[in-house]
């Protein structure tokens, strides 16, 4: 017989080694785990925009408002800079998802994974690479000859996000140009079957 264990999610998320925050519809932090406090000084009651460099705050607030206005149902992933507790910039991969209670948007949860000083295994060649679904999408769009603006419109993301997707794809394939990425992707079989 197993003991009855009810998880305490605050405790579980506090133990996570990635930053997790909850933001209310007004843009205020309502909860932050210890990793978020250590990384960016996230504390409840603080506007989420204060975690960003000043030149990014207006755009982030506008995007936040658009997301709430659309009543988004899907998660978003962005690569951006946050202000670290020491005042320096911390590059992160930020995954944000809407929080709902009975189909009413009550806020967003965001998970930030620092990319600074992260060690990854290099990929030896495009043939051994695996692509994320988004990278496959970007590869197909590049193979159609689309530029950054057209890719951003097709994906429904900002130009900066589209540019970051292209950079990530090039890095994954070990390519130095968009054309080289398409050639490498075709050789590796990523453009077969459509």
C-alpha atoms as a PDB file:
ATOM      1  CA  UNK A   1       0.000   0.000   0.000  1.00  0.00           C
ATOM      2  CA  UNK A   2       1.459   3.363  -1.027  1.00  0.00           C
ATOM      3  CA  UNK A   3       1.110   6.348   1.250  1.00  0.00           C
ATOM      4  CA  UNK A   4      -1.261   9.150   0.217  1.00  0.00           C
ATOM      5  CA  UNK A   5       1.020  11.890  -1.059  1.00  0.00           C
ATOM      6  CA  UNK A   6      -0.534  15.140  -2.223  1.00  0.00           C
ATOM      7  CA  UNK A   7       2.005  17.229  -4.137  1.00  0.00           C
ATOM      8  CA  UNK A   8       2.665  20.732  -2.924  1.00  0.00           C
ATOM      9  CA  UNK A   9       3.259  22.401  -6.286  1.00  0.00           C
ATOM     10  CA  UNK A  10       4.817  25.534  -4.778  1.00  0.00           C
ATOM     11  CA  UNK A  11       7.433  23.342  -3.107  1.00  0.00           C
ATOM     12  CA  UNK A  12       7.984  21.283  -6.260  1.00  0.00           C
ATOM     13  CA  UNK A  13       8.412  24.356  -8.477  1.00  0.00           C
ATOM     14  CA  UNK A  14      10.598  26.053  -5.881  1.00  0.00           C
ATOM     15  CA  UNK A  15      12.986  23.095  -6.143  1.00  0.00           C
ATOM     16  CA  UNK A  16      13.226  23.403  -9.953  1.00  0.00           C
ATOM     17  CA  UNK A  17      16.520  24.688 -11.317  1.00  0.00           C
ATOM     18  CA  UNK A  18      14.813  26.838 -13.956  1.00  0.00           C
ATOM     19  CA  UNK A  19      13.058  30.132 -13.308  1.00  0.00           C
ATOM     20  CA  UNK A  20       9.254  29.928 -13.164  1.00  0.00           C
ATOM     21  CA  UNK A  21       6.971  32.956 -12.712  1.00  0.00           C
ATOM     22  CA  UNK A  22       3.238  33.589 -12.827  1.00  0.00           C
ATOM     23  CA  UNK A  23       2.051  36.954 -14.187  1.00  0.00           C
ATOM     24  CA  UNK A  24      -1.467  38.315 -13.739  1.00  0.00           C
ATOM     25  CA  UNK A  25      -3.418  40.032 -16.563  1.00  0.00           C
ATOM     26  CA  UNK A  26      -2.212  43.425 -15.300  1.00  0.00           C
ATOM     27  CA  UNK A  27       1.399  42.386 -15.921  1.00  0.00           C
ATOM     28  CA  UNK A  28       2.358  41.961 -12.268  1.00  0.00           C
ATOM     29  CA  UNK A  29       4.270  38.976 -10.916  1.00  0.00           C
ATOM     30  CA  UNK A  30       2.045  37.032  -8.547  1.00  0.00           C
ATOM     31  CA  UNK A  31       4.410  34.129  -7.920  1.00  0.00           C
ATOM     32  CA  UNK A  32       8.076  33.334  -8.539  1.00  0.00           C
ATOM     33  CA  UNK A  33      10.161  30.330  -7.585  1.00  0.00           C
ATOM     34  CA  UNK A  34      13.595  30.600  -5.962  1.00  0.00           C
ATOM     35  CA  UNK A  35      15.414  30.122  -9.282  1.00  0.00           C
ATOM     36  CA  UNK A  36      13.566  33.177 -10.677  1.00  0.00           C
ATOM     37  CA  UNK A  37      14.473  35.179  -7.585  1.00  0.00           C
ATOM     38  CA  UNK A  38      18.146  34.184  -7.942  1.00  0.00           C
ATOM     39  CA  UNK A  39      18.249  34.767 -11.701  1.00  0.00           C
ATOM     40  CA  UNK A  40      16.429  38.075 -12.100  1.00  0.00           C
ATOM     41  CA  UNK A  41      15.242  39.127  -8.648  1.00  0.00           C
ATOM     42  CA  UNK A  42      11.645  38.222  -9.505  1.00  0.00           C
ATOM     43  CA  UNK A  43       9.356  38.947  -6.556  1.00  0.00           C
ATOM     44  CA  UNK A  44       5.551  39.081  -6.309  1.00  0.00           C
ATOM     45  CA  UNK A  45       4.058  42.519  -6.955  1.00  0.00           C
ATOM     46  CA  UNK A  46       6.804  43.576  -9.350  1.00  0.00           C
ATOM     47  CA  UNK A  47       5.835  44.422 -12.976  1.00  0.00           C
ATOM     48  CA  UNK A  48       7.171  41.726 -15.312  1.00  0.00           C
ATOM     49  CA  UNK A  49       8.535  44.408 -17.665  1.00  0.00           C
ATOM     50  CA  UNK A  50      11.077  45.438 -15.008  1.00  0.00           C
ATOM     51  CA  UNK A  51      12.824  42.100 -15.587  1.00  0.00           C
ATOM     52  CA  UNK A  52      13.734  43.238 -19.125  1.00  0.00           C
ATOM     53  CA  UNK A  53      16.341  45.744 -20.338  1.00  0.00           C
ATOM     54  CA  UNK A  54      14.729  49.220 -20.652  1.00  0.00           C
ATOM     55  CA  UNK A  55      14.792  49.272 -24.470  1.00  0.00           C
ATOM     56  CA  UNK A  56      12.757  46.033 -24.622  1.00  0.00           C
ATOM     57  CA  UNK A  57      10.058  46.962 -22.116  1.00  0.00           C
ATOM     58  CA  UNK A  58       7.635  48.807 -24.404  1.00  0.00           C
ATOM     59  CA  UNK A  59       7.647  46.054 -27.032  1.00  0.00           C
ATOM     60  CA  UNK A  60       7.257  43.353 -24.365  1.00  0.00           C
ATOM     61  CA  UNK A  61       4.333  45.172 -22.737  1.00  0.00           C
ATOM     62  CA  UNK A  62       2.673  45.626 -26.131  1.00  0.00           C
ATOM     63  CA  UNK A  63       3.110  41.934 -26.959  1.00  0.00           C
ATOM     64  CA  UNK A  64       1.773  40.967 -23.517  1.00  0.00           C
ATOM     65  CA  UNK A  65      -1.330  43.118 -24.121  1.00  0.00           C
ATOM     66  CA  UNK A  66      -1.802  41.625 -27.615  1.00  0.00           C
ATOM     67  CA  UNK A  67      -1.518  38.112 -26.186  1.00  0.00           C
ATOM     68  CA  UNK A  68      -4.168  38.878 -23.582  1.00  0.00           C
ATOM     69  CA  UNK A  69      -6.351  40.593 -26.193  1.00  0.00           C
ATOM     70  CA  UNK A  70      -6.245  37.533 -28.447  1.00  0.00           C
ATOM     71  CA  UNK A  71      -7.005  35.332 -25.460  1.00  0.00           C
ATOM     72  CA  UNK A  72      -4.214  33.119 -26.696  1.00  0.00           C
ATOM     73  CA  UNK A  73      -4.601  29.418 -26.157  1.00  0.00           C
ATOM     74  CA  UNK A  74      -1.156  28.369 -27.291  1.00  0.00           C
ATOM     75  CA  UNK A  75       2.238  28.613 -25.636  1.00  0.00           C
ATOM     76  CA  UNK A  76       4.922  30.896 -27.065  1.00  0.00           C
ATOM     77  CA  UNK A  77       8.676  30.474 -27.066  1.00  0.00           C
ATOM     78  CA  UNK A  78      11.066  33.410 -27.335  1.00  0.00           C
ATOM     79  CA  UNK A  79      14.778  33.946 -26.975  1.00  0.00           C
ATOM     80  CA  UNK A  80      15.428  37.195 -25.138  1.00  0.00           C
ATOM     81  CA  UNK A  81      17.552  39.045 -22.633  1.00  0.00           C
ATOM     82  CA  UNK A  82      16.520  39.554 -19.022  1.00  0.00           C
ATOM     83  CA  UNK A  83      18.182  41.746 -16.415  1.00  0.00           C
ATOM     84  CA  UNK A  84      20.086  39.583 -13.959  1.00  0.00           C
ATOM     85  CA  UNK A  85      20.159  40.367 -10.248  1.00  0.00           C
ATOM     86  CA  UNK A  86      23.640  41.840 -10.788  1.00  0.00           C
ATOM     87  CA  UNK A  87      22.273  44.224 -13.448  1.00  0.00           C
ATOM     88  CA  UNK A  88      23.898  42.299 -16.303  1.00  0.00           C
ATOM     89  CA  UNK A  89      22.017  40.689 -19.151  1.00  0.00           C
ATOM     90  CA  UNK A  90      21.022  37.039 -19.044  1.00  0.00           C
ATOM     91  CA  UNK A  91      20.016  35.461 -22.354  1.00  0.00           C
ATOM     92  CA  UNK A  92      17.149  32.998 -21.850  1.00  0.00           C
ATOM     93  CA  UNK A  93      14.791  30.787 -23.750  1.00  0.00           C
ATOM     94  CA  UNK A  94      11.384  31.855 -22.416  1.00  0.00           C
ATOM     95  CA  UNK A  95       8.350  29.598 -22.701  1.00  0.00           C
ATOM     96  CA  UNK A  96       5.083  31.311 -21.744  1.00  0.00           C
ATOM     97  CA  UNK A  97       1.648  29.737 -21.507  1.00  0.00           C
ATOM     98  CA  UNK A  98      -1.777  31.155 -20.692  1.00  0.00           C
ATOM     99  CA  UNK A  99      -3.356  30.155 -17.379  1.00  0.00           C
ATOM    100  CA  UNK A 100      -7.100  29.652 -17.456  1.00  0.00           C
ATOM    101  CA  UNK A 101      -9.789  28.996 -14.896  1.00  0.00           C
ATOM    102  CA  UNK A 102     -13.066  27.857 -16.488  1.00  0.00           C
ATOM    103  CA  UNK A 103     -12.060  29.387 -19.851  1.00  0.00           C
ATOM    104  CA  UNK A 104     -11.227  32.754 -18.276  1.00  0.00           C
ATOM    105  CA  UNK A 105      -7.667  33.986 -18.702  1.00  0.00           C
ATOM    106  CA  UNK A 106      -6.258  34.559 -15.220  1.00  0.00           C
ATOM    107  CA  UNK A 107      -2.614  35.099 -16.158  1.00  0.00           C
ATOM    108  CA  UNK A 108       0.445  33.599 -17.764  1.00  0.00           C
ATOM    109  CA  UNK A 109       3.083  31.199 -16.524  1.00  0.00           C
ATOM    110  CA  UNK A 110       6.601  31.641 -17.887  1.00  0.00           C
ATOM    111  CA  UNK A 111       9.618  29.358 -17.651  1.00  0.00           C
ATOM    112  CA  UNK A 112      13.036  30.892 -18.359  1.00  0.00           C
ATOM    113  CA  UNK A 113      15.996  28.682 -19.210  1.00  0.00           C
ATOM    114  CA  UNK A 114      19.285  30.592 -19.170  1.00  0.00           C
ATOM    115  CA  UNK A 115      21.335  30.153 -22.340  1.00  0.00           C
ATOM    116  CA  UNK A 116      24.417  31.864 -20.961  1.00  0.00           C
ATOM    117  CA  UNK A 117      27.105  29.376 -19.924  1.00  0.00           C
ATOM    118  CA  UNK A 118      24.968  26.457 -21.066  1.00  0.00           C
ATOM    119  CA  UNK A 119      27.047  23.638 -22.488  1.00  0.00           C
ATOM    120  CA  UNK A 120      25.548  21.654 -25.310  1.00  0.00           C
ATOM    121  CA  UNK A 121      26.810  18.751 -27.363  1.00  0.00           C
ATOM    122  CA  UNK A 122      27.930  19.877 -30.814  1.00  0.00           C
ATOM    123  CA  UNK A 123      26.291  18.305 -33.802  1.00  0.00           C
ATOM    124  CA  UNK A 124      28.822  16.680 -36.119  1.00  0.00           C
ATOM    125  CA  UNK A 125      26.807  17.026 -39.306  1.00  0.00           C
ATOM    126  CA  UNK A 126      23.405  17.907 -40.639  1.00  0.00           C
ATOM    127  CA  UNK A 127      22.667  14.225 -41.206  1.00  0.00           C
ATOM    128  CA  UNK A 128      22.875  13.556 -37.463  1.00  0.00           C
ATOM    129  CA  UNK A 129      20.833  16.658 -36.575  1.00  0.00           C
ATOM    130  CA  UNK A 130      17.280  16.485 -35.374  1.00  0.00           C
ATOM    131  CA  UNK A 131      15.075  19.497 -35.882  1.00  0.00           C
ATOM    132  CA  UNK A 132      12.290  20.810 -33.725  1.00  0.00           C
ATOM    133  CA  UNK A 133       8.899  21.173 -35.426  1.00  0.00           C
ATOM    134  CA  UNK A 134       9.462  24.962 -35.580  1.00  0.00           C
ATOM    135  CA  UNK A 135      12.908  24.497 -37.160  1.00  0.00           C
ATOM    136  CA  UNK A 136      11.359  22.193 -39.767  1.00  0.00           C
ATOM    137  CA  UNK A 137       8.759  24.884 -40.510  1.00  0.00           C
ATOM    138  CA  UNK A 138      11.463  27.523 -40.898  1.00  0.00           C
ATOM    139  CA  UNK A 139      13.505  25.229 -43.155  1.00  0.00           C
ATOM    140  CA  UNK A 140      10.481  24.719 -45.438  1.00  0.00           C
ATOM    141  CA  UNK A 141       9.864  28.477 -45.542  1.00  0.00           C
ATOM    142  CA  UNK A 142      13.527  29.111 -46.398  1.00  0.00           C
ATOM    143  CA  UNK A 143      13.281  26.493 -49.155  1.00  0.00           C
ATOM    144  CA  UNK A 144      10.384  28.535 -50.599  1.00  0.00           C
ATOM    145  CA  UNK A 145      12.751  31.514 -50.768  1.00  0.00           C
ATOM    146  CA  UNK A 146      11.015  33.572 -48.090  1.00  0.00           C
ATOM    147  CA  UNK A 147      12.881  36.391 -46.344  1.00  0.00           C
ATOM    148  CA  UNK A 148      12.711  37.195 -42.626  1.00  0.00           C
ATOM    149  CA  UNK A 149       9.666  39.466 -42.927  1.00  0.00           C
ATOM    150  CA  UNK A 150       7.688  36.888 -44.908  1.00  0.00           C
ATOM    151  CA  UNK A 151       8.682  34.150 -42.443  1.00  0.00           C
ATOM    152  CA  UNK A 152       7.578  36.287 -39.481  1.00  0.00           C
ATOM    153  CA  UNK A 153       4.199  36.929 -41.129  1.00  0.00           C
ATOM    154  CA  UNK A 154       3.705  33.256 -42.044  1.00  0.00           C
ATOM    155  CA  UNK A 155       4.569  32.126 -38.498  1.00  0.00           C
ATOM    156  CA  UNK A 156       2.739  34.991 -36.774  1.00  0.00           C
ATOM    157  CA  UNK A 157       5.823  36.102 -34.839  1.00  0.00           C
ATOM    158  CA  UNK A 158       7.941  39.255 -34.728  1.00  0.00           C
ATOM    159  CA  UNK A 159      10.778  39.748 -37.204  1.00  0.00           C
ATOM    160  CA  UNK A 160      13.261  39.377 -34.355  1.00  0.00           C
ATOM    161  CA  UNK A 161      11.754  36.042 -33.339  1.00  0.00           C
ATOM    162  CA  UNK A 162      11.789  34.845 -36.965  1.00  0.00           C
ATOM    163  CA  UNK A 163      15.452  35.899 -37.245  1.00  0.00           C
ATOM    164  CA  UNK A 164      16.224  33.942 -34.056  1.00  0.00           C
ATOM    165  CA  UNK A 165      14.475  30.868 -35.477  1.00  0.00           C
ATOM    166  CA  UNK A 166      16.587  31.129 -38.637  1.00  0.00           C
ATOM    167  CA  UNK A 167      19.777  31.518 -36.568  1.00  0.00           C
ATOM    168  CA  UNK A 168      18.853  28.487 -34.478  1.00  0.00           C
ATOM    169  CA  UNK A 169      18.212  26.438 -37.601  1.00  0.00           C
ATOM    170  CA  UNK A 170      21.537  27.473 -39.144  1.00  0.00           C
ATOM    171  CA  UNK A 171      23.363  26.552 -35.941  1.00  0.00           C
ATOM    172  CA  UNK A 172      21.572  23.189 -35.722  1.00  0.00           C
ATOM    173  CA  UNK A 173      22.510  22.344 -39.310  1.00  0.00           C
ATOM    174  CA  UNK A 174      26.033  23.773 -39.046  1.00  0.00           C
ATOM    175  CA  UNK A 175      25.221  26.107 -41.941  1.00  0.00           C
ATOM    176  CA  UNK A 176      26.650  29.584 -42.542  1.00  0.00           C
ATOM    177  CA  UNK A 177      23.893  30.884 -44.824  1.00  0.00           C
ATOM    178  CA  UNK A 178      20.226  30.319 -45.530  1.00  0.00           C
ATOM    179  CA  UNK A 179      21.024  28.684 -48.847  1.00  0.00           C
ATOM    180  CA  UNK A 180      23.526  26.358 -47.159  1.00  0.00           C
ATOM    181  CA  UNK A 181      20.848  25.455 -44.584  1.00  0.00           C
ATOM    182  CA  UNK A 182      18.382  24.530 -47.348  1.00  0.00           C
ATOM    183  CA  UNK A 183      21.022  22.431 -49.123  1.00  0.00           C
ATOM    184  CA  UNK A 184      22.026  20.704 -45.853  1.00  0.00           C
ATOM    185  CA  UNK A 185      18.374  20.165 -44.934  1.00  0.00           C
ATOM    186  CA  UNK A 186      17.619  18.664 -48.337  1.00  0.00           C
ATOM    187  CA  UNK A 187      20.669  16.355 -48.114  1.00  0.00           C
ATOM    188  CA  UNK A 188      19.634  15.251 -44.621  1.00  0.00           C
ATOM    189  CA  UNK A 189      16.128  14.428 -45.870  1.00  0.00           C
ATOM    190  CA  UNK A 190      14.260  17.131 -43.965  1.00  0.00           C
ATOM    191  CA  UNK A 191      12.671  18.463 -47.159  1.00  0.00           C
ATOM    192  CA  UNK A 192      11.480  15.092 -48.466  1.00  0.00           C
ATOM    193  CA  UNK A 193       7.874  14.050 -48.602  1.00  0.00           C
ATOM    194  CA  UNK A 194       5.954  17.323 -48.890  1.00  0.00           C
END
